N, C-alpha and C. Protein backbone atom coordinates (compact mmCIF):
# COMPACT_ATOMS: atom_id res chain seq x y z
N MET A 1 -1.76 -35.72 234.76
CA MET A 1 -1.25 -34.26 235.66
C MET A 1 0.32 -33.98 235.41
N TYR A 2 0.70 -34.74 234.53
CA TYR A 2 1.89 -34.62 233.78
C TYR A 2 2.50 -32.73 233.78
N THR A 3 1.40 -32.24 233.34
CA THR A 3 2.12 -30.59 233.50
C THR A 3 2.34 -30.58 234.66
N LEU A 4 1.79 -31.03 235.91
CA LEU A 4 1.90 -29.77 236.51
C LEU A 4 3.48 -30.72 237.64
N ARG A 5 4.30 -31.67 236.79
CA ARG A 5 5.32 -32.02 237.43
C ARG A 5 6.28 -30.97 238.10
N ASP A 6 6.36 -29.90 237.00
CA ASP A 6 7.06 -28.94 237.74
C ASP A 6 6.65 -27.88 238.83
N ARG A 7 5.50 -28.10 239.27
CA ARG A 7 5.26 -26.98 239.94
C ARG A 7 5.69 -27.79 241.63
N PRO A 8 5.59 -27.10 242.56
CA PRO A 8 6.21 -27.28 243.79
C PRO A 8 5.05 -27.94 244.77
N SER A 9 5.37 -29.41 245.48
CA SER A 9 4.39 -29.77 245.75
C SER A 9 4.20 -29.00 247.19
N GLY A 10 2.92 -29.46 248.32
CA GLY A 10 3.06 -29.02 249.34
C GLY A 10 4.22 -29.82 250.35
N ASP A 11 4.44 -30.85 250.40
CA ASP A 11 5.38 -31.58 251.00
C ASP A 11 6.82 -31.15 249.82
N ILE A 12 7.62 -30.15 250.74
CA ILE A 12 8.61 -30.18 249.36
C ILE A 12 10.01 -30.99 249.41
N THR A 13 9.35 -32.04 250.01
CA THR A 13 11.02 -33.59 250.20
C THR A 13 10.40 -34.21 249.10
N PHE A 14 8.91 -34.52 248.56
CA PHE A 14 8.23 -35.05 247.46
C PHE A 14 8.70 -34.56 245.90
N ASN A 15 9.61 -35.14 244.86
CA ASN A 15 9.12 -34.67 244.01
C ASN A 15 7.76 -35.33 243.04
N PHE A 16 7.68 -35.03 241.68
CA PHE A 16 6.63 -35.49 241.10
C PHE A 16 5.91 -36.80 241.05
N TYR A 17 7.17 -37.70 240.72
CA TYR A 17 7.32 -39.12 240.47
C TYR A 17 7.13 -39.67 242.04
N GLN A 18 8.15 -39.43 242.97
CA GLN A 18 7.65 -39.64 243.95
C GLN A 18 6.11 -39.58 244.83
N ASP A 19 5.36 -38.47 244.52
CA ASP A 19 4.12 -38.03 244.45
C ASP A 19 3.56 -39.44 243.85
N VAL A 20 3.38 -39.61 242.73
CA VAL A 20 2.37 -40.16 242.25
C VAL A 20 2.83 -41.82 242.23
N LEU A 21 4.14 -42.16 242.49
CA LEU A 21 4.56 -43.20 243.13
C LEU A 21 3.86 -43.93 244.19
N VAL A 22 3.79 -42.84 245.44
CA VAL A 22 3.36 -43.18 246.67
C VAL A 22 1.84 -43.43 246.11
N GLY A 23 1.14 -42.45 245.87
CA GLY A 23 -0.72 -42.57 245.61
C GLY A 23 -0.62 -43.57 244.67
N ALA A 24 -0.24 -44.11 243.58
CA ALA A 24 -0.28 -45.55 242.89
C ALA A 24 -0.58 -46.75 243.80
N LEU A 25 0.21 -46.49 245.03
CA LEU A 25 0.78 -47.54 245.90
C LEU A 25 -0.50 -47.72 246.81
N ILE A 26 -0.82 -46.57 247.07
CA ILE A 26 -2.09 -46.20 247.90
C ILE A 26 -3.29 -47.03 247.91
N VAL A 27 -3.28 -46.31 245.99
CA VAL A 27 -4.68 -46.41 245.22
C VAL A 27 -4.61 -48.22 245.11
N SER A 28 -3.49 -48.62 244.83
CA SER A 28 -3.22 -50.02 244.32
C SER A 28 -4.10 -51.14 245.59
N VAL A 29 -3.49 -50.72 246.71
CA VAL A 29 -4.34 -51.28 247.35
C VAL A 29 -5.72 -51.24 247.57
N PHE A 30 -6.27 -50.08 247.60
CA PHE A 30 -8.03 -50.43 247.49
C PHE A 30 -8.35 -51.01 246.49
N TYR A 31 -8.08 -51.11 245.27
CA TYR A 31 -7.61 -51.61 244.02
C TYR A 31 -8.00 -53.05 244.04
N SER A 32 -6.92 -53.50 244.63
CA SER A 32 -6.55 -55.09 245.00
C SER A 32 -7.97 -55.45 246.17
N LEU A 33 -8.26 -54.76 247.40
CA LEU A 33 -9.61 -55.15 247.80
C LEU A 33 -10.94 -55.38 247.23
N LEU A 34 -11.15 -53.84 245.71
CA LEU A 34 -12.32 -53.82 245.12
C LEU A 34 -12.05 -55.15 243.89
N LEU A 35 -10.90 -55.84 243.74
CA LEU A 35 -11.00 -56.43 242.56
C LEU A 35 -11.33 -57.96 243.12
N LEU A 36 -11.09 -58.23 244.49
CA LEU A 36 -11.58 -59.66 245.18
C LEU A 36 -13.34 -59.48 245.15
N VAL A 37 -13.81 -58.26 245.02
CA VAL A 37 -15.38 -58.09 244.78
C VAL A 37 -15.75 -58.77 243.39
N VAL A 38 -14.95 -57.73 242.62
CA VAL A 38 -15.31 -57.97 241.19
C VAL A 38 -15.19 -59.37 240.68
N LEU A 39 -14.33 -60.02 241.09
CA LEU A 39 -14.18 -61.29 240.73
C LEU A 39 -15.03 -62.38 241.13
N ARG A 40 -15.61 -62.29 242.11
CA ARG A 40 -17.05 -63.23 242.34
C ARG A 40 -18.19 -62.94 241.37
N ILE A 41 -18.34 -61.50 240.97
CA ILE A 41 -19.41 -62.17 239.93
C ILE A 41 -19.20 -62.88 238.50
N GLN A 42 -20.75 -63.19 238.41
CA GLN A 42 -20.66 -64.65 237.45
C GLN A 42 -20.62 -63.86 235.78
N SER A 43 -21.06 -62.66 235.44
CA SER A 43 -21.20 -62.55 234.51
C SER A 43 -19.63 -61.48 233.83
N PHE A 44 -19.20 -61.95 233.08
CA PHE A 44 -17.92 -61.32 232.61
C PHE A 44 -18.11 -60.11 232.08
N GLY A 45 -19.00 -59.78 230.63
CA GLY A 45 -19.86 -58.43 230.79
C GLY A 45 -19.60 -57.51 231.90
N ILE A 46 -20.36 -57.88 232.96
CA ILE A 46 -20.44 -57.00 234.30
C ILE A 46 -19.32 -56.78 234.54
N GLN A 47 -18.41 -57.63 234.92
CA GLN A 47 -17.07 -57.62 235.45
C GLN A 47 -16.38 -56.26 235.00
N VAL A 48 -16.21 -56.72 233.48
CA VAL A 48 -15.59 -55.55 232.50
C VAL A 48 -16.00 -54.20 233.03
N VAL A 49 -17.47 -53.92 232.83
CA VAL A 49 -17.71 -52.48 233.19
C VAL A 49 -17.81 -52.13 234.86
N ILE A 50 -17.76 -53.08 235.59
CA ILE A 50 -17.32 -52.41 236.90
C ILE A 50 -16.01 -52.20 237.21
N HIS A 51 -15.27 -53.20 236.56
CA HIS A 51 -13.64 -52.66 236.72
C HIS A 51 -13.04 -51.58 235.62
N SER A 52 -13.98 -51.51 235.20
CA SER A 52 -13.28 -50.39 234.34
C SER A 52 -14.05 -49.13 234.85
N LEU A 53 -15.10 -48.59 235.64
CA LEU A 53 -15.35 -48.10 235.95
C LEU A 53 -14.81 -47.52 237.56
N ILE A 54 -14.59 -49.08 238.15
CA ILE A 54 -13.26 -48.78 239.52
C ILE A 54 -12.12 -47.90 239.14
N VAL A 55 -11.88 -48.56 238.09
CA VAL A 55 -10.10 -47.93 237.26
C VAL A 55 -10.45 -46.09 237.41
N ILE A 56 -11.67 -45.81 236.66
CA ILE A 56 -11.56 -44.67 236.29
C ILE A 56 -11.97 -43.59 237.41
N VAL A 57 -12.41 -44.29 238.40
CA VAL A 57 -12.52 -43.47 239.24
C VAL A 57 -11.60 -43.67 240.34
N LEU A 58 -10.56 -44.96 240.82
CA LEU A 58 -8.99 -44.46 241.48
C LEU A 58 -8.29 -43.60 241.15
N TRP A 59 -8.35 -43.74 239.37
CA TRP A 59 -7.43 -42.81 238.73
C TRP A 59 -7.72 -41.43 238.35
N PHE A 60 -8.93 -41.20 238.55
CA PHE A 60 -9.37 -39.94 238.97
C PHE A 60 -9.28 -39.17 240.17
N TYR A 61 -9.51 -40.15 241.16
CA TYR A 61 -8.94 -39.76 242.68
C TYR A 61 -7.50 -39.31 242.82
N GLU A 62 -6.62 -40.12 242.27
CA GLU A 62 -5.18 -39.86 242.37
C GLU A 62 -4.94 -38.93 241.78
N ASP A 63 -5.14 -38.72 239.99
CA ASP A 63 -5.27 -36.97 239.59
C ASP A 63 -5.46 -36.19 240.51
N LEU A 64 -6.86 -36.60 241.54
CA LEU A 64 -7.37 -34.81 242.13
C LEU A 64 -6.26 -34.97 243.49
N LEU A 65 -6.00 -35.60 243.63
CA LEU A 65 -4.75 -35.85 244.97
C LEU A 65 -3.55 -34.74 244.20
N VAL A 66 -3.48 -34.95 243.31
CA VAL A 66 -1.81 -34.35 242.70
C VAL A 66 -2.41 -33.09 242.44
N PHE A 67 -3.64 -32.69 241.70
CA PHE A 67 -4.12 -31.63 241.59
C PHE A 67 -3.84 -30.87 242.60
N GLY A 68 -4.39 -31.38 243.91
CA GLY A 68 -5.08 -30.78 245.06
C GLY A 68 -3.65 -29.83 245.84
N ASP A 69 -2.39 -30.53 245.64
CA ASP A 69 -1.14 -30.83 245.88
C ASP A 69 -0.41 -30.22 245.25
N ARG A 70 -0.23 -30.11 244.38
CA ARG A 70 0.64 -29.34 243.06
C ARG A 70 0.10 -28.04 242.86
N GLU A 71 -1.41 -27.82 242.80
CA GLU A 71 -1.76 -26.70 241.92
C GLU A 71 -3.17 -26.11 243.03
N ALA A 72 -3.89 -26.90 243.10
CA ALA A 72 -5.13 -26.51 244.21
C ALA A 72 -4.29 -25.55 245.77
N GLY A 73 -3.74 -26.64 246.04
CA GLY A 73 -3.09 -26.21 247.55
C GLY A 73 -2.69 -24.78 247.74
N TRP A 74 -2.03 -24.19 246.53
CA TRP A 74 -1.16 -23.22 246.13
C TRP A 74 -1.92 -22.16 245.75
N SER A 75 -3.33 -22.09 245.77
CA SER A 75 -4.24 -21.32 245.02
C SER A 75 -5.52 -21.55 245.63
N THR A 76 -6.35 -20.98 245.22
CA THR A 76 -7.83 -20.63 246.00
C THR A 76 -9.22 -21.10 245.22
N TYR A 77 -8.74 -22.56 244.91
CA TYR A 77 -9.65 -23.79 244.14
C TYR A 77 -10.42 -24.04 245.17
N SER A 78 -11.84 -23.72 244.80
CA SER A 78 -12.95 -24.78 245.93
C SER A 78 -12.68 -26.11 244.90
N LEU A 79 -13.48 -27.25 246.16
CA LEU A 79 -13.71 -28.15 245.81
C LEU A 79 -14.23 -28.34 244.25
N LYS A 80 -15.28 -27.87 244.33
CA LYS A 80 -15.82 -28.00 242.32
C LYS A 80 -15.16 -27.62 241.55
N ALA A 81 -14.08 -26.63 241.53
CA ALA A 81 -13.51 -26.20 240.71
C ALA A 81 -11.96 -27.24 240.68
N SER A 82 -11.77 -27.52 241.56
CA SER A 82 -10.74 -28.78 241.76
C SER A 82 -11.39 -30.16 240.90
N ILE A 83 -12.40 -30.50 240.71
CA ILE A 83 -12.83 -31.58 240.30
C ILE A 83 -12.68 -31.36 238.99
N VAL A 84 -13.20 -30.55 238.05
CA VAL A 84 -13.93 -29.60 237.53
C VAL A 84 -12.40 -29.89 236.36
N HIS A 85 -12.02 -28.94 237.11
CA HIS A 85 -10.09 -28.87 236.43
C HIS A 85 -9.77 -29.52 236.19
N THR A 86 -9.70 -30.85 237.39
CA THR A 86 -8.87 -32.45 237.08
C THR A 86 -9.33 -33.07 235.96
N LEU A 87 -10.92 -32.93 236.21
CA LEU A 87 -11.93 -33.42 235.07
C LEU A 87 -11.28 -33.57 233.60
N GLN A 88 -10.93 -32.15 233.59
CA GLN A 88 -10.77 -31.48 232.12
C GLN A 88 -9.17 -32.06 232.03
N LEU A 89 -8.42 -32.33 232.85
CA LEU A 89 -6.77 -32.79 232.55
C LEU A 89 -7.12 -33.88 232.49
N SER A 90 -7.90 -34.77 232.97
CA SER A 90 -7.77 -36.35 233.14
C SER A 90 -8.52 -37.26 232.11
N VAL A 91 -9.38 -36.54 231.11
CA VAL A 91 -10.43 -37.20 230.61
C VAL A 91 -9.99 -37.91 229.27
N ILE A 92 -9.26 -37.21 228.90
CA ILE A 92 -8.55 -37.93 227.54
C ILE A 92 -7.54 -38.83 227.90
N PRO A 93 -6.49 -38.56 228.69
CA PRO A 93 -5.78 -39.93 229.11
C PRO A 93 -6.71 -41.33 229.79
N ILE A 94 -7.58 -41.06 230.43
CA ILE A 94 -8.36 -42.07 230.99
C ILE A 94 -9.25 -42.58 229.78
N VAL A 95 -9.74 -42.02 229.33
CA VAL A 95 -10.47 -42.67 227.91
C VAL A 95 -9.33 -43.66 226.95
N ILE A 96 -8.19 -42.84 226.60
CA ILE A 96 -7.21 -43.23 225.42
C ILE A 96 -6.59 -44.82 226.41
N SER A 97 -6.10 -44.78 227.79
CA SER A 97 -6.30 -45.84 228.18
C SER A 97 -7.21 -47.22 228.36
N LEU A 98 -8.52 -47.02 228.53
CA LEU A 98 -9.66 -47.67 228.50
C LEU A 98 -9.78 -48.26 226.93
N LEU A 99 -9.35 -47.21 226.42
CA LEU A 99 -9.33 -47.92 224.21
C LEU A 99 -8.47 -48.77 224.16
N VAL A 100 -6.97 -48.51 224.79
CA VAL A 100 -6.22 -49.59 225.00
C VAL A 100 -6.67 -50.98 225.42
N TYR A 101 -7.04 -50.61 227.05
CA TYR A 101 -7.27 -51.80 227.80
C TYR A 101 -8.18 -53.17 227.44
N LEU A 102 -9.85 -52.01 227.05
CA LEU A 102 -10.77 -53.13 226.57
C LEU A 102 -10.07 -54.18 225.48
N PRO A 103 -9.74 -53.48 224.42
CA PRO A 103 -9.58 -54.57 223.56
C PRO A 103 -8.31 -55.68 223.58
N ILE A 104 -7.44 -55.34 224.92
CA ILE A 104 -6.53 -56.18 225.03
C ILE A 104 -7.24 -57.46 225.78
N LEU A 105 -7.65 -57.13 226.87
CA LEU A 105 -8.74 -57.77 227.86
C LEU A 105 -9.93 -58.50 226.57
N TYR A 106 -10.21 -58.22 225.84
CA TYR A 106 -10.97 -59.19 224.93
C TYR A 106 -9.93 -60.06 224.46
N CYS A 107 -9.21 -59.38 223.95
CA CYS A 107 -8.29 -60.58 223.55
C CYS A 107 -7.69 -61.84 224.10
N LEU A 108 -7.22 -61.39 225.72
CA LEU A 108 -7.10 -62.54 226.54
C LEU A 108 -8.14 -63.20 226.68
N ARG A 109 -9.15 -62.61 227.00
CA ARG A 109 -10.45 -63.30 227.28
C ARG A 109 -10.95 -64.54 226.48
N ARG A 110 -10.82 -64.48 225.48
CA ARG A 110 -10.60 -64.82 224.20
C ARG A 110 -9.83 -66.32 223.96
N LYS A 111 -8.53 -65.98 224.11
CA LYS A 111 -7.38 -66.99 224.34
C LYS A 111 -7.65 -68.11 225.52
N VAL A 112 -8.61 -67.60 226.48
CA VAL A 112 -8.81 -68.62 228.11
C VAL A 112 -9.72 -69.44 227.58
């Protein structure tokens, strides 16, 4: 969503980085609660899959909120169009992050 950094927010008192920081803090609370559930699963492979899906969903949700505030709020996007456009903007950063995250996780797991 970095491409939307120069567009005005629905709340003009926040700049792009404040919006993202506040959203990340809120999403982190949900992530922490879900992490407590994921860590109770015995199989490490299933933990990784569920953990990755949770991170993808929460990251996409944060991107959708930023898109809705900075672009869709000033235009006539429907919810479906907002989701599709956010998905187009988010898929590459999310995939790249997972491609970095999974090998690091694997290396850390092997050392334990």
